[in-house]
Amino acid sequence: MNFCSQCGARVARRIPDGDTVPRWVCEACATIHYENPKLVVGCICEWEDRILLCRRAIEPRYGLWTVPAGFMENGETTAEGAARETLEEANARVDGLTPYALYNIPHINQVYLLFRAQLLDLDFSPGAESLETRLASEADIPWDQLAFPTVRNTLRHYYDDRRVGQYRFHTGTIQPLPVAGAKPKP
């Protein structure tokens, strides 16, 4: 960051009074520019024993499968954001959103919150960010072609919970993949 979005003056990286983390601070108007994690929201859209999958038409992970999800917008609740993302990515309408899984991804400054939701009808199709949409049973999930660890982990929990007939809320943290040849930190 070079310039303040409030007044246009230069910013400097420093720890503001009363804080413990370096922030971009405007040298003219003293506005502190916080950089915080992005919230990704989405849905496991259920129809009978199948769920809705989308094949990505954008990077990252172009061509791989996921559940409809994306960045939350200002002015909406997490459930509203998840329903909007489902409509944008799969032209699908959902209801009955229930929080199901939350994953922290600190190395890329993201938090994923996925809901269980019921499809209202079978009138769905690829949105602008999807190449293809389809309903899939557990046996049809392309496990080796899932775009993100958050989706893979959530779907494993989902099918485990479904087998025992009790859905519970899941949380976890996704760590970065180790770099080939890198030595572990002591």
Foldseek 3Di string as FASTA:
>chain_A
DAADPVPGAGWDWDADPPGDHTFTAGPPPRDTDDDAFWEKEAEQEDDPQWTKKFQFCDDDLHRFIFGQMGTDDPPDDRVVRHQVSNCQAKVWGWDDWDWAEWEAEVVRRYIYIYTYTYTPDPPIFGHPGGPTMDIDHPVRPPLVRHRDPVRNVRVVLVVVCVVVVHGDHYYYYDYDDDDPPDDDDD
